[in-house]
Amino acid sequence: MTAFKPIGKLGLTTCVALVMGNMIGSGVFLLPASLARYGWDAVAGWIVTIGGALAIATVLATLTRALPDAKGPIEMVGAAFGPLAGTMIGWSYWVSIWTANVTIAVAAVSYLSLFLPIIGTMPGLAAFCAFLLLWALTLLNLGGARMAGWFQVVTLILKLIPLVVVAGIIFLLLGKSGGAALAPFPKEGLSAGGITASAALTLWALLGFESASVACDKVDRPGITIPRATMLGTLLTGIIYLIVCSGIALMLPMEIAASSNAPFADFVARYWAQGPAYFIGLFAAISAIGALNGWILLQGELPLSMARSGMLPQWLAATNASGTPVRAFIVASILASLLLLANSLRSMADLFVFMALVSTSAALWLYLACAASALRLKVALPVATLGLAYALWTLWGAGWQASGLSLGLMLTGLPIYWWVKRTS
C-alpha cells in the first residue's frame, strides 16, 4: 500500500531543489567579480567555506534527529539555551532572510539590465523593478508551498544551464592549455588575510543550506528527508561553486572580471561568442528569480513557526485555507520594500555588496548558535566544534561593521520578545 502524502508537503526531490535553489542564486553569478582580486586565495576560501558549511549542515542534520519535536533550528536553539536565545536567533535569521531577498532581487534586475540597459543607468528604476519582482514572487508563494516548490524545481533546472556551459568551457580550456589557462599561482604563496576576506564573501553564495530545516512544517517525513536534503544539496552546490567561480576568477583577466556587472556573460563572450553570452545572462536572471522564490517561502514559514512556538505574536500564526501564512509573507515583503525604498538611490553594485554582507552576518549568528546548541546537548561534538570555530572566524572576516550591524538588528527583537511574554 502506498503511504499517504499530505497535500502541500515537500518530498526529497523538492527539498533538495529548495536547498540548492536557495543556494544557487545571485551569489554564484556575481561573486567572480568580487573574488577576482583575491585570486588563488579565493580558491582556498571556497574550500574552507564548503568545509564549514558541511560542518554546520552535519550539525543541523544531527540535531534534527536528536530533537524530532523541534520545528526547525530556531526551536533547537531554544531547547538548548532557552526561549530568549531562540527568539533572538530566530529574529536575526528572519532579518537575514528578507535582507537577502532585497539583495537577490537587485541581482536579478542587474542581469536583466543586459537586455534593458536603461535599468542600470537609473538607480530609482532598478529599485522599482526589484520591488515589482519581490511582490510578484510573494503573490506566487501565497498560492501555497507546493506551487512554490514546483516553481523551485523548474527554475533549478534552468539555472543549471549557465553553470554547465561555463564548466564545459573551463574544462575545454584546461584540456587545451592546461595550467597556462589559469592565473599563475603567487610566488609568495597564499595570504591568510585574503583567504579570510574571500571566505566571508563566498559564504553569501552558500547561504540556504538550512532551508529544509527552516521549512520543516512543510516537509514530508522531516526526520529522514531534511538531513538527506541538507547534506546532498550542500555538497553538490559546493562542488559546482568551487569549479565554476574559481574558473572564471582565474581565467578572466582580473581587470575585466573585477569590473564586470555580469561575469558569467563576459566569460562566455570572451571564450565563446557574444550571442550565447546573452542567453547566459538570461539564465542567470532566472537563477536569481528562483532563489528569490525559495527565500520568500522561508520569510513566511519562519515567523509562522516562531509564532506557533510563542516567540512572536500569535497574529503572525494565522494561515489561510491552504495553510499559507499570508500575514507573515506580507509583513516581511513590506519590510523588504521599505529597505529598497531607503536605499533606492544606491547603485545596484553598492546595494548588492552592502546587503550581502549584512545578510551573511545575520545568518552566521544562527549557524554559531546551532553549533553551540549541539555542544551543549553533547551531540556531534567534533563537528560542532569545527562549526563553532568556523562561524566565529567568518563573523570576524565579515568585518566589524557588518557583524556589528547584524548584532544590533538582532537586539531589536528584544522588545518583541518582552511584549509577547507580557501578553501571553
Protein backbone atom coordinates (compact mmCIF):
# COMPACT_ATOMS: atom_id res chain seq x y z
CA MET A 1 0.00 0.00 0.00
CA THR A 2 1.29 3.44 -0.90
CA ALA A 3 1.76 5.73 2.07
CA PHE A 4 -0.42 8.83 2.09
CA LYS A 5 1.49 12.07 1.48
CA PRO A 6 -0.31 15.17 2.72
CA ILE A 7 -1.09 17.69 0.02
CA GLY A 8 1.41 20.51 0.04
CA LYS A 9 4.23 18.54 1.71
CA LEU A 10 7.69 18.66 0.18
CA GLY A 11 9.47 15.39 -0.64
CA LEU A 12 13.19 14.71 -1.01
CA THR A 13 13.38 15.96 -4.61
CA THR A 14 11.68 19.27 -3.90
CA CYS A 15 13.64 19.66 -0.64
CA VAL A 16 16.97 19.21 -2.46
CA ALA A 17 15.66 21.66 -5.07
CA LEU A 18 14.73 24.08 -2.26
CA VAL A 19 18.21 23.81 -0.71
CA MET A 20 20.12 24.03 -3.99
CA GLY A 21 17.72 26.60 -5.42
CA ASN A 22 18.19 28.88 -2.42
CA MET A 23 21.97 28.44 -2.57
CA ILE A 24 22.34 28.72 -6.35
CA GLY A 25 21.02 32.22 -6.75
CA SER A 26 22.54 35.62 -7.16
CA GLY A 27 25.78 34.89 -5.32
CA VAL A 28 27.38 32.48 -7.75
CA PHE A 29 26.68 34.73 -10.75
CA LEU A 30 28.10 37.92 -9.26
CA LEU A 31 30.82 36.67 -6.89
CA PRO A 32 33.53 36.04 -9.53
CA ALA A 33 33.79 39.82 -9.90
CA SER A 34 34.14 40.32 -6.13
CA LEU A 35 36.63 37.45 -5.77
CA ALA A 36 38.81 38.24 -8.79
CA ARG A 37 41.23 40.39 -6.80
CA TYR A 38 41.84 37.57 -4.32
CA GLY A 39 42.99 35.11 -7.00
CA TRP A 40 44.14 31.79 -5.55
CA ASP A 41 43.27 32.98 -2.04
CA ALA A 42 39.63 32.81 -3.15
CA VAL A 43 40.08 29.15 -4.17
CA ALA A 44 41.29 28.38 -0.66
CA GLY A 45 38.42 30.49 0.69
CA TRP A 46 35.92 28.36 -1.22
CA ILE A 47 37.43 25.15 0.18
CA VAL A 48 37.26 26.47 3.75
CA THR A 49 33.71 27.74 3.26
CA ILE A 50 32.49 24.46 1.77
CA GLY A 51 34.06 22.57 4.67
CA GLY A 52 32.50 24.94 7.20
CA ALA A 53 29.09 24.75 5.53
CA LEU A 54 29.22 20.95 5.52
CA ALA A 55 30.14 21.00 9.22
CA ILE A 56 27.15 23.22 10.06
CA ALA A 57 24.92 21.13 7.77
CA THR A 58 26.03 17.99 9.62
CA VAL A 59 25.19 19.67 12.92
CA LEU A 60 21.71 20.60 11.64
CA ALA A 61 21.11 17.08 10.35
CA THR A 62 22.19 15.56 13.67
CA LEU A 63 20.08 18.00 15.70
CA THR A 64 17.07 17.17 13.51
CA ARG A 65 17.38 13.53 14.50
CA ALA A 66 18.20 14.27 18.15
CA LEU A 67 15.32 16.75 18.59
CA PRO A 68 12.49 15.32 16.45
CA ASP A 69 9.88 17.52 18.15
CA ALA A 70 11.76 20.76 17.41
CA LYS A 71 10.31 22.54 14.39
CA GLY A 72 13.47 23.87 12.80
CA PRO A 73 16.82 25.23 14.01
CA ILE A 74 15.24 28.11 15.96
CA GLU A 75 13.45 25.70 18.30
CA MET A 76 16.64 23.65 18.51
CA VAL A 77 18.47 26.69 19.87
CA GLY A 78 15.56 27.35 22.24
CA ALA A 79 15.73 23.76 23.51
CA ALA A 80 19.43 24.18 24.30
CA PHE A 81 19.58 27.74 25.68
CA GLY A 82 16.00 28.76 26.46
CA PRO A 83 13.28 30.80 24.71
CA LEU A 84 15.11 34.15 24.86
CA ALA A 85 18.09 32.81 22.91
CA GLY A 86 15.78 31.07 20.45
CA THR A 87 13.82 34.26 19.85
CA MET A 88 16.91 36.42 19.34
CA ILE A 89 18.49 33.97 16.91
CA GLY A 90 15.20 33.48 15.08
CA TRP A 91 14.70 37.23 14.79
CA SER A 92 18.25 37.68 13.46
CA TYR A 93 17.76 34.94 10.91
CA TRP A 94 14.45 36.41 9.77
CA VAL A 95 16.23 39.74 9.26
CA SER A 96 18.87 37.92 7.19
CA ILE A 97 16.16 36.38 5.01
CA TRP A 98 14.26 39.48 3.97
CA THR A 99 17.53 41.40 3.72
CA ALA A 100 18.78 38.67 1.37
CA ASN A 101 15.60 38.98 -0.67
CA VAL A 102 16.41 42.61 -1.38
CA THR A 103 19.93 41.60 -2.44
CA ILE A 104 18.72 38.79 -4.70
CA ALA A 105 16.02 40.93 -6.33
CA VAL A 106 18.63 43.58 -7.13
CA ALA A 107 20.94 40.91 -8.59
CA ALA A 108 18.17 39.60 -10.84
CA VAL A 109 17.46 43.11 -12.09
CA SER A 110 21.19 43.65 -12.61
CA TYR A 111 21.38 40.73 -15.07
CA LEU A 112 18.15 41.81 -16.75
CA SER A 113 19.81 45.18 -17.38
CA LEU A 114 21.88 43.39 -20.05
CA PHE A 115 18.71 43.48 -22.14
CA LEU A 116 17.35 46.82 -20.86
CA PRO A 117 20.46 48.94 -20.25
CA ILE A 118 18.37 51.89 -19.06
CA ILE A 119 17.77 50.00 -15.81
CA GLY A 120 21.46 50.11 -14.96
CA THR A 121 21.67 53.85 -15.51
CA MET A 122 18.73 54.80 -13.25
CA PRO A 123 19.04 53.55 -9.64
CA GLY A 124 15.46 54.52 -8.86
CA LEU A 125 14.17 52.47 -11.80
CA ALA A 126 16.30 49.50 -10.75
CA ALA A 127 14.82 49.63 -7.24
CA PHE A 128 11.30 49.83 -8.68
CA CYS A 129 11.90 46.77 -10.89
CA ALA A 130 13.27 44.88 -7.87
CA PHE A 131 10.14 45.93 -5.94
CA LEU A 132 7.87 44.51 -8.66
CA LEU A 133 9.83 41.25 -8.76
CA LEU A 134 9.70 40.90 -4.98
CA TRP A 135 5.93 41.25 -4.85
CA ALA A 136 5.31 39.04 -7.90
CA LEU A 137 7.02 36.12 -6.17
CA THR A 138 5.32 36.96 -2.87
CA LEU A 139 1.98 36.51 -4.65
CA LEU A 140 3.21 33.19 -6.08
CA ASN A 141 4.08 31.93 -2.60
CA LEU A 142 0.67 32.99 -1.32
CA GLY A 143 -0.65 30.21 -3.54
CA GLY A 144 0.89 27.60 -1.24
CA ALA A 145 4.14 25.75 -0.59
CA ARG A 146 3.51 23.09 -3.22
CA MET A 147 3.16 25.62 -6.03
CA ALA A 148 6.28 27.46 -4.86
CA GLY A 149 8.12 24.14 -4.56
CA TRP A 150 7.43 23.11 -8.15
CA PHE A 151 8.42 26.57 -9.36
CA GLN A 152 11.69 25.97 -7.50
CA VAL A 153 12.28 22.67 -9.31
CA VAL A 154 11.70 24.26 -12.74
CA THR A 155 13.95 27.26 -12.08
CA LEU A 156 16.66 24.99 -10.62
CA ILE A 157 16.81 23.05 -13.90
CA LEU A 158 17.04 26.30 -15.89
CA LYS A 159 19.62 27.88 -13.62
CA LEU A 160 21.94 24.88 -14.00
CA ILE A 161 22.33 25.66 -17.73
CA PRO A 162 24.80 28.57 -17.37
CA LEU A 163 26.74 26.60 -14.75
CA VAL A 164 27.04 23.60 -17.07
CA VAL A 165 28.02 25.79 -20.04
CA VAL A 166 30.70 27.67 -18.08
CA ALA A 167 32.00 24.44 -16.52
CA GLY A 168 32.27 22.92 -20.01
CA ILE A 169 34.25 25.91 -21.30
CA ILE A 170 36.55 25.72 -18.26
CA PHE A 171 37.32 22.04 -18.81
CA LEU A 172 37.88 22.61 -22.55
CA LEU A 173 40.33 25.43 -21.82
CA LEU A 174 42.15 23.33 -19.23
CA GLY A 175 42.29 20.38 -21.62
CA LYS A 176 43.72 22.58 -24.38
CA SER A 177 46.13 24.78 -22.43
CA GLY A 178 46.50 23.03 -19.08
CA GLY A 179 47.61 25.22 -16.20
CA ALA A 180 48.54 28.01 -18.60
CA ALA A 181 44.83 28.89 -18.85
CA LEU A 182 44.82 29.89 -15.19
CA ALA A 183 46.31 32.90 -13.47
CA PRO A 184 49.76 31.92 -12.14
CA PHE A 185 50.00 30.83 -8.52
CA PRO A 186 51.54 33.69 -6.49
CA LYS A 187 55.23 33.27 -5.70
CA GLU A 188 54.66 34.48 -2.15
CA GLY A 189 52.03 31.80 -1.60
CA LEU A 190 48.56 32.19 -0.16
CA SER A 191 47.59 35.08 2.14
CA ALA A 192 45.76 34.45 5.42
CA GLY A 193 44.06 37.83 5.12
CA GLY A 194 42.94 37.13 1.57
CA ILE A 195 41.56 33.71 2.50
CA THR A 196 39.64 35.16 5.44
CA ALA A 197 38.15 38.02 3.43
CA SER A 198 37.20 35.81 0.49
CA ALA A 199 35.67 33.18 2.79
CA ALA A 200 33.31 35.79 4.19
CA LEU A 201 32.17 36.61 0.65
CA THR A 202 31.88 33.00 -0.50
CA LEU A 203 29.57 32.14 2.40
CA TRP A 204 26.99 34.53 0.94
CA ALA A 205 26.71 32.17 -2.05
CA LEU A 206 26.23 29.14 0.23
CA LEU A 207 23.59 30.65 2.49
CA GLY A 208 20.49 28.50 2.34
CA PHE A 209 21.74 25.01 3.22
CA GLU A 210 19.50 25.26 6.29
CA SER A 211 16.39 25.88 4.13
CA ALA A 212 14.86 22.44 4.54
CA SER A 213 15.20 22.65 8.34
CA VAL A 214 13.53 26.07 8.48
CA ALA A 215 10.58 24.87 6.37
CA CYS A 216 10.22 21.62 8.36
CA ASP A 217 6.46 22.07 8.81
CA LYS A 218 6.08 21.70 5.05
CA VAL A 219 8.40 18.66 4.69
CA ASP A 220 7.22 15.06 4.37
CA ARG A 221 9.00 12.72 6.88
CA PRO A 222 11.27 15.52 8.14
CA GLY A 223 13.48 13.25 10.28
CA ILE A 224 14.64 11.45 7.13
CA THR A 225 14.13 13.98 4.36
CA ILE A 226 15.73 17.05 5.97
CA PRO A 227 19.14 15.50 6.81
CA ARG A 228 19.43 13.91 3.36
CA ALA A 229 18.38 17.05 1.50
CA THR A 230 20.65 19.28 3.61
CA MET A 231 23.81 17.23 3.12
CA LEU A 232 23.21 16.37 -0.53
CA GLY A 233 22.24 19.89 -1.53
CA THR A 234 25.20 21.45 0.30
CA LEU A 235 27.79 19.07 -1.14
CA LEU A 236 26.58 19.30 -4.74
CA THR A 237 26.30 23.08 -4.65
CA GLY A 238 29.72 23.48 -3.04
CA ILE A 239 31.43 21.41 -5.74
CA ILE A 240 29.71 23.37 -8.51
CA TYR A 241 30.73 26.68 -6.96
CA LEU A 242 34.35 25.66 -6.44
CA ILE A 243 34.74 24.72 -10.11
CA VAL A 244 32.78 27.48 -11.79
CA CYS A 245 33.52 30.55 -9.66
CA SER A 246 37.20 29.71 -9.32
CA GLY A 247 37.49 29.04 -13.04
CA ILE A 248 36.01 32.41 -14.02
CA ALA A 249 38.04 34.34 -11.42
CA LEU A 250 41.31 32.68 -12.51
CA MET A 251 40.73 32.64 -16.29
CA LEU A 252 39.27 36.06 -16.98
CA PRO A 253 41.85 38.87 -16.83
CA MET A 254 41.48 40.44 -13.40
CA GLU A 255 40.81 43.94 -14.75
CA ILE A 256 37.85 42.55 -16.71
CA ALA A 257 36.46 40.25 -14.02
CA ALA A 258 36.75 42.77 -11.19
CA SER A 259 34.78 45.45 -13.05
CA SER A 260 32.15 43.16 -14.58
CA ASN A 261 28.44 43.52 -13.85
CA ALA A 262 27.80 40.10 -15.41
CA PRO A 263 30.96 37.98 -15.10
CA PHE A 264 29.35 34.78 -16.39
CA ALA A 265 28.19 36.53 -19.55
CA ASP A 266 31.57 38.21 -20.01
CA PHE A 267 33.34 34.87 -19.61
CA VAL A 268 31.17 33.20 -22.25
CA ALA A 269 31.53 36.19 -24.59
CA ARG A 270 35.34 36.08 -24.30
CA TYR A 271 35.80 32.33 -24.76
CA TRP A 272 32.81 31.51 -26.96
CA ALA A 273 30.68 34.27 -28.54
CA GLN A 274 28.56 37.29 -27.68
CA GLY A 275 25.29 35.63 -28.75
CA PRO A 276 25.44 32.78 -26.23
CA ALA A 277 26.54 35.29 -23.59
CA TYR A 278 23.13 36.96 -23.74
CA PHE A 279 21.44 33.62 -23.09
CA ILE A 280 23.75 33.04 -20.14
CA GLY A 281 22.72 36.45 -18.77
CA LEU A 282 19.05 35.49 -19.14
CA PHE A 283 19.53 32.20 -17.32
CA ALA A 284 21.50 33.97 -14.59
CA ALA A 285 18.50 36.26 -14.06
CA ILE A 286 16.25 33.18 -13.91
CA SER A 287 18.60 31.72 -11.31
CA ALA A 288 18.26 34.77 -9.08
CA ILE A 289 14.48 34.72 -9.53
CA GLY A 290 14.38 31.05 -8.49
CA ALA A 291 16.47 31.78 -5.41
CA LEU A 292 14.23 34.71 -4.53
CA ASN A 293 11.20 32.41 -4.73
CA GLY A 294 12.77 29.96 -2.27
CA TRP A 295 13.82 32.66 0.17
CA ILE A 296 10.37 34.26 0.08
CA LEU A 297 8.96 30.86 1.05
CA LEU A 298 11.22 30.90 4.11
CA GLN A 299 10.42 34.52 5.01
CA GLY A 300 6.84 33.37 5.61
CA GLU A 301 7.48 29.96 7.13
CA LEU A 302 9.99 31.13 9.75
CA PRO A 303 7.78 33.71 11.55
CA LEU A 304 4.88 31.24 11.30
CA SER A 305 6.89 28.61 13.14
CA MET A 306 8.13 31.14 15.71
CA ALA A 307 4.62 32.50 16.33
CA ARG A 308 3.26 28.99 16.88
CA SER A 309 6.08 28.40 19.36
CA GLY A 310 5.21 31.57 21.28
CA MET A 311 8.29 33.50 20.15
CA LEU A 312 6.41 36.05 18.03
CA PRO A 313 2.88 37.50 18.25
CA GLN A 314 0.11 34.98 17.52
CA TRP A 315 -1.19 37.35 14.88
CA LEU A 316 1.58 36.02 12.61
CA ALA A 317 0.48 32.41 13.15
CA ALA A 318 -2.72 32.85 11.12
CA THR A 319 -2.93 30.90 7.86
CA ASN A 320 -5.43 30.65 5.04
CA ALA A 321 -7.33 27.51 3.98
CA SER A 322 -4.24 26.04 2.27
CA GLY A 323 -2.02 26.61 5.32
CA THR A 324 -0.19 29.61 3.86
CA PRO A 325 0.97 32.26 6.39
CA VAL A 326 -0.38 35.22 4.44
CA ARG A 327 0.27 37.82 7.16
CA ALA A 328 3.88 36.71 7.66
CA PHE A 329 4.58 36.87 3.92
CA ILE A 330 3.10 40.33 3.59
CA VAL A 331 4.85 41.78 6.67
CA ALA A 332 8.26 40.51 5.51
CA SER A 333 7.78 41.81 1.97
CA ILE A 334 6.70 45.20 3.32
CA LEU A 335 9.91 45.39 5.39
CA ALA A 336 11.97 44.39 2.36
CA SER A 337 10.18 47.02 0.27
CA LEU A 338 10.93 49.70 2.84
CA LEU A 339 14.59 48.68 2.74
CA LEU A 340 14.55 49.01 -1.04
CA LEU A 341 12.96 52.45 -0.75
CA ALA A 342 15.53 53.61 1.80
CA ASN A 343 18.39 52.58 -0.50
CA SER A 344 16.80 53.32 -3.86
CA LEU A 345 19.46 55.91 -4.76
CA ARG A 346 22.38 53.49 -4.31
CA SER A 347 23.87 51.88 -7.37
CA MET A 348 22.98 48.22 -7.88
CA ALA A 349 26.54 47.12 -7.17
CA ASP A 350 26.79 49.09 -3.92
CA LEU A 351 23.41 47.87 -2.72
CA PHE A 352 24.28 44.26 -3.52
CA VAL A 353 27.59 44.27 -1.64
CA PHE A 354 26.21 46.13 1.38
CA MET A 355 23.15 43.93 1.85
CA ALA A 356 25.06 40.70 1.11
CA LEU A 357 27.48 41.35 3.99
CA VAL A 358 24.68 42.27 6.41
CA SER A 359 22.59 39.25 5.42
CA THR A 360 25.56 36.89 5.73
CA SER A 361 26.50 38.20 9.17
CA ALA A 362 22.91 37.94 10.41
CA ALA A 363 22.70 34.32 9.25
CA LEU A 364 26.04 33.49 10.87
CA TRP A 365 24.51 34.03 14.32
CA LEU A 366 22.14 31.15 13.56
CA TYR A 367 25.00 28.87 12.47
CA LEU A 368 27.00 29.79 15.55
CA ALA A 369 24.02 29.15 17.85
CA CYS A 370 23.25 25.76 16.25
CA ALA A 371 26.85 24.62 16.72
CA ALA A 372 26.79 25.86 20.33
CA SER A 373 23.48 24.04 20.87
CA ALA A 374 24.99 20.78 19.68
CA LEU A 375 27.89 21.25 22.09
CA ARG A 376 25.53 22.00 24.98
CA LEU A 377 23.40 18.96 24.18
CA LYS A 378 26.53 16.82 23.61
CA VAL A 379 25.55 15.98 20.03
CA ALA A 380 28.13 15.55 17.22
CA LEU A 381 30.81 17.16 19.38
CA PRO A 382 33.80 17.10 16.98
CA VAL A 383 31.81 18.50 14.03
CA ALA A 384 30.01 21.02 16.24
CA THR A 385 33.37 22.31 17.50
CA LEU A 386 34.54 22.81 13.91
CA GLY A 387 31.27 24.52 13.04
CA LEU A 388 31.52 26.89 16.01
CA ALA A 389 35.10 27.85 15.13
CA TYR A 390 34.15 28.39 11.50
CA ALA A 391 31.20 30.65 12.38
CA LEU A 392 33.30 32.80 14.72
CA TRP A 393 36.11 33.06 12.18
CA THR A 394 33.73 34.09 9.38
CA LEU A 395 32.00 36.70 11.56
CA TRP A 396 35.42 38.22 12.16
CA GLY A 397 36.23 38.02 8.45
CA ALA A 398 32.99 39.80 7.51
CA GLY A 399 34.25 42.89 9.32
CA TRP A 400 33.10 44.70 12.43
CA GLN A 401 30.67 46.96 10.55
CA ALA A 402 28.58 44.17 9.01
CA SER A 403 28.81 41.87 12.03
CA GLY A 404 28.13 44.73 14.45
CA LEU A 405 25.10 45.87 12.46
CA SER A 406 23.73 42.33 12.35
CA LEU A 407 24.14 42.08 16.12
CA GLY A 408 22.31 45.38 16.56
CA LEU A 409 19.46 44.18 14.34
CA MET A 410 19.22 41.01 16.39
CA LEU A 411 18.84 43.04 19.59
CA THR A 412 15.84 44.86 18.10
CA GLY A 413 13.96 41.62 18.70
CA LEU A 414 14.19 42.08 22.48
CA PRO A 415 11.16 44.41 22.76
CA ILE A 416 9.13 41.94 20.68
CA TYR A 417 10.12 39.10 23.00
CA TRP A 418 9.19 41.03 26.14
CA TRP A 419 5.88 42.14 24.63
CA VAL A 420 4.94 38.58 23.66
CA LYS A 421 5.79 37.30 27.15
CA ARG A 422 3.75 40.02 28.84
CA THR A 423 0.68 39.46 26.67
CA SER A 424 0.77 35.66 26.59
